[in-house]
């Protein structure tokens, strides 16, 4: 791809005029004003990250993982640290680079660090090769170079979709009649979604209905109960304890 064609692609680790444009367009990140995150992209020049959503572009002074934690806390969505432990203990969703999932959408990390890119698989329009690397086109977001290969991106997106479908089945199985993960997903009509629909692991569930939800609720209770027990002053302030 020549230089002129690269101008509309956001380099994930190289500051450019396109980064400047997005920063000028961004507002301060308010998690309560964002419903569904399309992607979170760490700045290559300074601390913080850009958040792309259907509501617009915003900037967080925190790294992507802390930004996601802030968002989840504001909406009372699952905590990533606890959810990751549940997914690891369950054994059906891989061993690392776990997605973050709530009942409405999912985000998956491209790498294992706190400053990696997070992508919503349902918001990826397409995945294309650019010279020796790949870029993803994001709905209501940028065309973004990615630091891993096509196979890994698809695999990570697939796991995120499977966890999302598993969690949604636990919540909504009494109103959504379906037997496969795809029945519980709302994938758009895009080239990337077409790839996901053909993936084998999205043709069947790996856990019984509600198992993941129960595992998370139990882990959440134990995690925060231990915090309270260790903090006697906090316990004493709870009248019903």
Protein backbone atom coordinates (compact mmCIF):
# COMPACT_ATOMS: atom_id res chain seq x y z
CA UNK A 1 0.00 0.00 0.00
CA UNK A 2 1.47 3.35 -1.02
CA UNK A 3 1.78 6.40 1.23
CA UNK A 4 -1.35 8.14 -0.07
CA UNK A 5 -3.49 5.09 0.69
CA UNK A 6 -2.04 4.81 4.19
CA UNK A 7 -3.15 8.31 5.17
CA UNK A 8 -6.60 7.13 6.25
CA UNK A 9 -5.24 4.23 8.34
CA UNK A 10 -4.42 4.86 12.00
CA UNK A 11 -1.03 3.39 12.87
CA UNK A 12 -1.32 1.82 16.30
CA UNK A 13 2.22 2.75 17.42
CA UNK A 14 3.05 5.79 15.25
CA UNK A 15 1.79 9.30 15.99
CA UNK A 16 0.36 11.01 12.92
CA UNK A 17 -1.90 13.79 11.70
CA UNK A 18 -4.79 11.31 11.89
CA UNK A 19 -4.10 10.87 15.61
CA UNK A 20 -4.15 14.67 15.90
CA UNK A 21 -7.50 14.77 14.13
CA UNK A 22 -9.08 12.22 16.46
CA UNK A 23 -7.70 13.95 19.56
CA UNK A 24 -9.13 17.27 18.40
CA UNK A 25 -12.51 15.59 17.90
CA UNK A 26 -12.51 13.75 21.24
CA UNK A 27 -14.34 14.78 24.39
CA UNK A 28 -13.40 13.79 27.93
CA UNK A 29 -14.47 10.20 28.62
CA UNK A 30 -17.68 9.95 30.64
CA UNK A 31 -18.60 6.25 31.02
CA UNK A 32 -22.25 7.07 31.69
CA UNK A 33 -22.54 8.72 28.27
CA UNK A 34 -21.24 5.65 26.42
CA UNK A 35 -23.46 2.62 25.87
CA UNK A 36 -21.44 0.28 23.65
CA UNK A 37 -17.69 0.62 23.15
CA UNK A 38 -16.50 -0.13 19.61
CA UNK A 39 -12.77 -0.04 20.44
CA UNK A 40 -10.24 1.33 22.90
CA UNK A 41 -6.89 2.39 21.46
CA UNK A 42 -3.89 3.43 23.58
CA UNK A 43 -2.09 6.58 22.52
CA UNK A 44 1.37 5.96 21.02
CA UNK A 45 2.62 9.30 22.30
CA UNK A 46 1.31 9.78 25.85
CA UNK A 47 -0.61 8.09 28.65
CA UNK A 48 -4.27 7.50 27.99
CA UNK A 49 -6.48 6.09 25.27
CA UNK A 50 -9.09 6.97 22.69
CA UNK A 51 -12.52 5.38 23.03
CA UNK A 52 -14.67 5.01 19.91
CA UNK A 53 -18.39 4.40 20.34
CA UNK A 54 -21.61 5.07 18.46
CA UNK A 55 -21.93 8.20 20.61
CA UNK A 56 -18.63 9.61 19.33
CA UNK A 57 -14.94 9.78 20.25
CA UNK A 58 -13.69 10.36 23.78
CA UNK A 59 -10.33 10.45 25.52
CA UNK A 60 -9.40 8.81 28.80
CA UNK A 61 -6.28 9.73 30.75
CA UNK A 62 -6.10 6.12 31.97
CA UNK A 63 -4.69 3.14 30.10
CA UNK A 64 -7.19 0.92 28.22
CA UNK A 65 -7.60 -1.70 30.95
CA UNK A 66 -8.21 0.92 33.66
CA UNK A 67 -10.57 2.75 31.31
CA UNK A 68 -12.53 -0.47 30.82
CA UNK A 69 -12.58 -1.05 34.57
CA UNK A 70 -13.93 2.47 35.08
CA UNK A 71 -16.62 1.88 32.45
CA UNK A 72 -17.65 -1.48 33.94
CA UNK A 73 -17.85 -0.02 37.46
CA UNK A 74 -20.02 2.89 36.32
CA UNK A 75 -22.53 0.53 34.70
CA UNK A 76 -22.28 -2.29 37.30
CA UNK A 77 -20.97 -4.62 34.60
CA UNK A 78 -18.69 -7.63 35.31
CA UNK A 79 -15.23 -6.93 36.71
CA UNK A 80 -12.53 -8.02 34.27
CA UNK A 81 -10.19 -9.45 36.90
CA UNK A 82 -12.87 -11.71 38.37
CA UNK A 83 -14.33 -12.67 35.00
CA UNK A 84 -10.87 -13.65 33.70
CA UNK A 85 -10.36 -15.98 36.67
CA UNK A 86 -13.74 -17.59 36.02
CA UNK A 87 -12.98 -18.14 32.35
CA UNK A 88 -9.58 -19.61 33.19
CA UNK A 89 -11.01 -21.92 35.85
CA UNK A 90 -13.81 -23.04 33.55
CA UNK A 91 -11.25 -24.21 31.01
CA UNK A 92 -13.44 -23.88 27.92
CA UNK A 93 -12.37 -20.42 26.77
CA UNK A 94 -8.61 -20.58 26.45
CA UNK A 95 -5.84 -19.83 28.93
CA UNK A 96 -4.95 -16.15 28.46
CA UNK A 97 -5.92 -12.88 26.72
CA UNK A 98 -9.46 -13.29 27.99
CA UNK A 99 -12.21 -10.98 26.70
CA UNK A 100 -14.25 -8.62 28.82
CA UNK A 101 -17.96 -9.29 28.46
CA UNK A 102 -21.26 -7.95 29.74
CA UNK A 103 -24.73 -9.03 28.66
CA UNK A 104 -24.77 -6.52 25.80
CA UNK A 105 -21.38 -6.62 24.10
CA UNK A 106 -17.82 -7.91 24.34
CA UNK A 107 -14.31 -6.55 23.92
CA UNK A 108 -11.18 -8.61 23.35
CA UNK A 109 -7.53 -7.55 23.87
CA UNK A 110 -5.01 -7.99 21.07
CA UNK A 111 -2.09 -8.49 23.45
CA UNK A 112 -1.59 -9.25 27.11
CA UNK A 113 -0.53 -5.86 28.44
CA UNK A 114 -2.66 -3.21 30.14
CA UNK A 115 -1.95 -0.85 27.25
CA UNK A 116 -3.12 -3.05 24.41
CA UNK A 117 -5.92 -2.38 21.93
CA UNK A 118 -9.43 -3.67 22.78
CA UNK A 119 -11.88 -4.43 19.97
CA UNK A 120 -15.60 -5.19 19.86
CA UNK A 121 -15.94 -8.14 17.44
CA UNK A 122 -19.43 -7.07 16.36
CA UNK A 123 -18.06 -3.65 15.36
CA UNK A 124 -15.26 -4.95 13.13
CA UNK A 125 -16.40 -4.37 9.58
CA UNK A 126 -13.47 -5.99 7.80
CA UNK A 127 -9.93 -7.26 8.26
CA UNK A 128 -7.41 -6.65 5.49
CA UNK A 129 -3.70 -7.03 4.86
CA UNK A 130 -1.53 -3.94 4.39
CA UNK A 131 1.97 -4.77 3.17
CA UNK A 132 3.31 -7.05 5.94
CA UNK A 133 0.69 -6.19 8.57
CA UNK A 134 -3.08 -6.14 8.96
CA UNK A 135 -5.64 -3.49 9.70
CA UNK A 136 -9.23 -3.63 10.89
CA UNK A 137 -12.00 -1.29 9.80
CA UNK A 138 -14.18 -0.35 12.80
CA UNK A 139 -17.81 0.74 12.55
CA UNK A 140 -18.01 4.40 13.62
CA UNK A 141 -14.27 4.23 14.18
CA UNK A 142 -10.96 4.18 12.35
CA UNK A 143 -9.15 1.85 10.05
CA UNK A 144 -6.54 0.65 12.51
CA UNK A 145 -3.31 -1.29 12.06
CA UNK A 146 -3.09 -4.27 14.42
CA UNK A 147 0.06 -5.89 15.86
CA UNK A 148 -1.01 -9.52 15.41
CA UNK A 149 -1.87 -11.72 12.46
CA UNK A 150 -5.26 -12.44 10.93
CA UNK A 151 -5.61 -15.92 12.43
CA UNK A 152 -5.06 -14.64 15.97
CA UNK A 153 -7.48 -11.74 15.55
CA UNK A 154 -10.21 -14.07 14.32
CA UNK A 155 -9.50 -16.57 17.10
CA UNK A 156 -9.65 -13.87 19.82
CA UNK A 157 -12.85 -12.44 18.35
CA UNK A 158 -14.35 -15.92 18.21
CA UNK A 159 -13.67 -16.53 21.92
CA UNK A 160 -15.17 -13.15 22.81
CA UNK A 161 -18.32 -13.99 20.87
CA UNK A 162 -18.55 -17.42 22.49
CA UNK A 163 -18.27 -15.95 26.00
CA UNK A 164 -20.83 -13.26 25.15
CA UNK A 165 -23.28 -15.84 23.80
CA UNK A 166 -22.71 -18.07 26.84
CA UNK A 167 -23.40 -15.19 29.23
CA UNK A 168 -26.42 -14.03 27.23
CA UNK A 169 -27.87 -17.53 27.24
CA UNK A 170 -27.54 -17.57 31.04
CA UNK A 171 -29.48 -14.30 31.28
CA UNK A 172 -31.97 -14.58 28.42
CA UNK A 173 -32.59 -18.28 27.70
CA UNK A 174 -36.20 -17.92 28.85
CA UNK A 175 -36.97 -15.26 26.20
CA UNK A 176 -34.54 -16.22 23.43
CA UNK A 177 -35.21 -19.63 21.98
CA UNK A 178 -31.95 -20.94 20.61
CA UNK A 179 -29.54 -23.83 20.82
CA UNK A 180 -26.30 -22.43 19.39
CA UNK A 181 -24.11 -19.44 20.31
CA UNK A 182 -25.06 -17.75 17.05
CA UNK A 183 -28.70 -17.74 18.20
CA UNK A 184 -27.70 -15.46 21.08
CA UNK A 185 -25.47 -13.10 19.10
CA UNK A 186 -26.45 -9.99 17.16
CA UNK A 187 -23.84 -10.00 14.41
CA UNK A 188 -24.20 -7.43 11.62
CA UNK A 189 -24.08 -8.06 7.89
CA UNK A 190 -20.35 -7.38 7.41
CA UNK A 191 -17.45 -9.34 5.88
CA UNK A 192 -15.89 -9.95 9.30
CA UNK A 193 -19.16 -11.12 10.85
CA UNK A 194 -19.55 -13.53 7.95
CA UNK A 195 -16.19 -15.08 8.90
CA UNK A 196 -17.31 -15.41 12.53
CA UNK A 197 -20.57 -17.09 11.56
CA UNK A 198 -18.59 -19.84 9.88
CA UNK A 199 -16.39 -20.60 12.90
CA UNK A 200 -16.89 -24.08 14.37
CA UNK A 201 -16.88 -23.09 18.04
CA UNK A 202 -19.83 -20.75 17.51
CA UNK A 203 -21.96 -23.67 16.40
CA UNK A 204 -22.29 -25.22 19.88
CA UNK A 205 -22.12 -24.31 23.56
CA UNK A 206 -19.42 -25.74 25.79
CA UNK A 207 -21.10 -25.23 29.17
CA UNK A 208 -24.58 -25.86 30.63
CA UNK A 209 -27.07 -23.00 30.74
CA UNK A 210 -26.15 -20.46 33.42
CA UNK A 211 -22.94 -22.16 34.55
CA UNK A 212 -20.68 -19.24 33.68
CA UNK A 213 -23.07 -16.72 35.24
CA UNK A 214 -23.24 -18.73 38.47
CA UNK A 215 -19.47 -19.14 38.54
CA UNK A 216 -18.99 -15.38 38.15
CA UNK A 217 -21.56 -14.50 40.83
CA UNK A 218 -19.95 -16.92 43.28
CA UNK A 219 -16.43 -15.64 42.54
CA UNK A 220 -17.60 -12.03 42.83
CA UNK A 221 -19.21 -12.69 46.22
CA UNK A 222 -16.16 -14.50 47.59
CA UNK A 223 -13.75 -11.89 46.25
CA UNK A 224 -15.53 -8.96 47.84
CA UNK A 225 -16.47 -10.87 50.99
CA UNK A 226 -12.78 -11.49 51.64
CA UNK A 227 -12.10 -7.79 51.16
CA UNK A 228 -14.72 -6.95 53.78
CA UNK A 229 -13.46 -9.54 56.26
CA UNK A 230 -9.92 -8.16 55.96
CA UNK A 231 -11.22 -4.61 56.38
CA UNK A 232 -12.94 -4.73 59.77
CA UNK A 233 -13.70 -1.00 59.75
CA UNK A 234 -15.72 -1.40 56.55
CA UNK A 235 -17.58 -4.38 58.05
CA UNK A 236 -18.45 -2.40 61.20
CA UNK A 237 -20.04 0.31 59.05
CA UNK A 238 -22.48 -2.19 57.51
CA UNK A 239 -25.43 -2.33 59.87
CA UNK A 240 -26.91 -5.56 58.55
CA UNK A 241 -23.65 -7.54 58.61
